[in-house]
Amino acid sequence: MDGDGCDRDRVAPGDDYEVDHLIRKTGVSRAEAIGLIHQFGNDRKTLEKEAKKLHR
């Protein structure tokens, strides 16, 4: 965790800013991003890897 108490390695599905960041970085839709979080959990690296697989 960072000194401010935030965990930058996790994506909170209820946090629009976090979901929007995943969308901007990977090009997935909001529905795809939320689906990925539900399927793979909230680890940012895993989500980015799986999101990129959707848009090859």
N, C-alpha and C. Protein backbone atom coordinates (compact mmCIF):
# COMPACT_ATOMS: atom_id res chain seq x y z
N MET A 1 0.83 -1.20 0.00
CA MET A 1 0.00 0.00 0.00
C MET A 1 0.86 1.25 0.00
N ASP A 2 0.32 2.30 -0.57
CA ASP A 2 1.00 3.58 -0.54
C ASP A 2 0.84 4.20 0.84
N GLY A 3 1.57 5.25 1.08
CA GLY A 3 1.49 5.94 2.35
C GLY A 3 0.13 6.54 2.62
N ASP A 4 -0.66 6.77 1.57
CA ASP A 4 -1.98 7.36 1.76
C ASP A 4 -3.06 6.31 2.02
N GLY A 5 -2.65 5.03 2.11
CA GLY A 5 -3.60 3.97 2.41
C GLY A 5 -4.25 3.36 1.19
N CYS A 6 -3.91 3.84 -0.01
CA CYS A 6 -4.49 3.30 -1.24
C CYS A 6 -3.66 2.14 -1.73
N ASP A 7 -4.32 1.16 -2.30
CA ASP A 7 -3.63 0.01 -2.86
C ASP A 7 -3.72 0.11 -4.37
N ARG A 8 -2.65 0.54 -5.00
CA ARG A 8 -2.64 0.79 -6.44
C ARG A 8 -2.62 -0.48 -7.28
N ASP A 9 -2.43 -1.64 -6.65
CA ASP A 9 -2.41 -2.89 -7.39
C ASP A 9 -3.79 -3.50 -7.52
N ARG A 10 -4.81 -2.82 -7.00
CA ARG A 10 -6.17 -3.35 -7.00
C ARG A 10 -7.11 -2.37 -7.70
N VAL A 11 -8.12 -2.95 -8.36
CA VAL A 11 -9.15 -2.15 -9.00
C VAL A 11 -10.45 -2.40 -8.24
N ALA A 12 -11.00 -1.36 -7.67
CA ALA A 12 -12.25 -1.48 -6.92
C ALA A 12 -13.43 -1.40 -7.89
N PRO A 13 -14.23 -2.45 -7.99
CA PRO A 13 -15.32 -2.45 -8.97
C PRO A 13 -16.36 -1.36 -8.73
N GLY A 14 -16.49 -0.89 -7.50
CA GLY A 14 -17.46 0.16 -7.20
C GLY A 14 -16.89 1.56 -7.34
N ASP A 15 -15.62 1.67 -7.69
CA ASP A 15 -14.96 2.97 -7.80
C ASP A 15 -14.87 3.35 -9.28
N ASP A 16 -15.72 4.28 -9.70
CA ASP A 16 -15.77 4.67 -11.12
C ASP A 16 -14.41 5.09 -11.65
N TYR A 17 -13.62 5.80 -10.85
CA TYR A 17 -12.31 6.26 -11.31
C TYR A 17 -11.42 5.07 -11.65
N GLU A 18 -11.42 4.05 -10.81
CA GLU A 18 -10.58 2.87 -11.05
C GLU A 18 -11.04 2.12 -12.29
N VAL A 19 -12.34 1.95 -12.44
CA VAL A 19 -12.89 1.25 -13.61
C VAL A 19 -12.60 2.07 -14.87
N ASP A 20 -12.79 3.38 -14.80
CA ASP A 20 -12.52 4.24 -15.96
C ASP A 20 -11.05 4.17 -16.37
N HIS A 21 -10.16 4.08 -15.40
CA HIS A 21 -8.73 3.96 -15.71
C HIS A 21 -8.46 2.66 -16.48
N LEU A 22 -9.06 1.57 -16.04
CA LEU A 22 -8.91 0.29 -16.74
C LEU A 22 -9.46 0.39 -18.16
N ILE A 23 -10.59 1.04 -18.32
CA ILE A 23 -11.20 1.23 -19.63
C ILE A 23 -10.28 2.03 -20.55
N ARG A 24 -9.76 3.16 -20.04
CA ARG A 24 -8.87 4.01 -20.85
C ARG A 24 -7.58 3.28 -21.23
N LYS A 25 -7.04 2.54 -20.29
CA LYS A 25 -5.76 1.89 -20.53
C LYS A 25 -5.87 0.71 -21.49
N THR A 26 -7.00 0.00 -21.47
CA THR A 26 -7.09 -1.24 -22.24
C THR A 26 -8.07 -1.20 -23.40
N GLY A 27 -8.97 -0.22 -23.42
CA GLY A 27 -9.92 -0.11 -24.52
C GLY A 27 -11.17 -0.97 -24.37
N VAL A 28 -11.37 -1.61 -23.22
CA VAL A 28 -12.57 -2.41 -23.02
C VAL A 28 -13.75 -1.51 -22.69
N SER A 29 -14.94 -2.04 -22.83
CA SER A 29 -16.14 -1.28 -22.44
C SER A 29 -16.32 -1.38 -20.93
N ARG A 30 -17.21 -0.56 -20.41
CA ARG A 30 -17.49 -0.60 -18.97
C ARG A 30 -18.02 -1.99 -18.58
N ALA A 31 -18.92 -2.53 -19.38
CA ALA A 31 -19.48 -3.85 -19.08
C ALA A 31 -18.38 -4.91 -19.09
N GLU A 32 -17.47 -4.83 -20.07
CA GLU A 32 -16.35 -5.78 -20.13
C GLU A 32 -15.45 -5.63 -18.91
N ALA A 33 -15.16 -4.39 -18.53
CA ALA A 33 -14.28 -4.15 -17.38
C ALA A 33 -14.88 -4.73 -16.10
N ILE A 34 -16.15 -4.49 -15.88
CA ILE A 34 -16.80 -5.01 -14.68
C ILE A 34 -16.88 -6.53 -14.74
N GLY A 35 -17.15 -7.08 -15.92
CA GLY A 35 -17.17 -8.53 -16.07
C GLY A 35 -15.81 -9.14 -15.76
N LEU A 36 -14.74 -8.49 -16.22
CA LEU A 36 -13.39 -8.98 -15.93
C LEU A 36 -13.10 -8.96 -14.44
N ILE A 37 -13.53 -7.91 -13.76
CA ILE A 37 -13.32 -7.82 -12.32
C ILE A 37 -14.04 -8.96 -11.61
N HIS A 38 -15.26 -9.23 -12.04
CA HIS A 38 -16.02 -10.32 -11.41
C HIS A 38 -15.40 -11.68 -11.72
N GLN A 39 -14.86 -11.83 -12.92
CA GLN A 39 -14.30 -13.12 -13.32
C GLN A 39 -12.91 -13.36 -12.75
N PHE A 40 -12.05 -12.33 -12.74
CA PHE A 40 -10.65 -12.52 -12.39
C PHE A 40 -10.23 -11.88 -11.07
N GLY A 41 -11.14 -11.16 -10.43
CA GLY A 41 -10.77 -10.48 -9.19
C GLY A 41 -10.30 -9.07 -9.48
N ASN A 42 -9.66 -8.44 -8.51
CA ASN A 42 -9.34 -7.02 -8.67
C ASN A 42 -7.84 -6.72 -8.79
N ASP A 43 -7.03 -7.72 -9.12
CA ASP A 43 -5.61 -7.49 -9.32
C ASP A 43 -5.39 -6.75 -10.64
N ARG A 44 -4.81 -5.57 -10.57
CA ARG A 44 -4.68 -4.71 -11.75
C ARG A 44 -3.91 -5.37 -12.89
N LYS A 45 -2.79 -6.00 -12.60
CA LYS A 45 -1.99 -6.62 -13.66
C LYS A 45 -2.76 -7.74 -14.36
N THR A 46 -3.46 -8.55 -13.60
CA THR A 46 -4.25 -9.63 -14.19
C THR A 46 -5.36 -9.05 -15.05
N LEU A 47 -6.04 -8.03 -14.56
CA LEU A 47 -7.13 -7.42 -15.33
C LEU A 47 -6.62 -6.82 -16.63
N GLU A 48 -5.49 -6.14 -16.59
CA GLU A 48 -4.95 -5.54 -17.80
C GLU A 48 -4.56 -6.62 -18.81
N LYS A 49 -3.96 -7.70 -18.32
CA LYS A 49 -3.56 -8.80 -19.20
C LYS A 49 -4.78 -9.43 -19.86
N GLU A 50 -5.81 -9.70 -19.08
CA GLU A 50 -7.02 -10.33 -19.61
C GLU A 50 -7.79 -9.38 -20.53
N ALA A 51 -7.81 -8.10 -20.22
CA ALA A 51 -8.48 -7.11 -21.06
C ALA A 51 -7.82 -7.03 -22.43
N LYS A 52 -6.50 -7.08 -22.45
CA LYS A 52 -5.78 -7.02 -23.73
C LYS A 52 -6.08 -8.22 -24.59
N LYS A 53 -6.35 -9.36 -23.99
CA LYS A 53 -6.72 -10.56 -24.74
C LYS A 53 -8.03 -10.36 -25.48
N LEU A 54 -8.93 -9.57 -24.89
CA LEU A 54 -10.24 -9.32 -25.53
C LEU A 54 -10.12 -8.48 -26.79
N HIS A 55 -9.08 -7.67 -26.86
CA HIS A 55 -8.96 -6.71 -27.96
C HIS A 55 -7.71 -6.91 -28.78
N ARG A 56 -7.41 -8.15 -29.09
CA ARG A 56 -6.26 -8.46 -29.97
C ARG A 56 -6.60 -8.20 -31.40
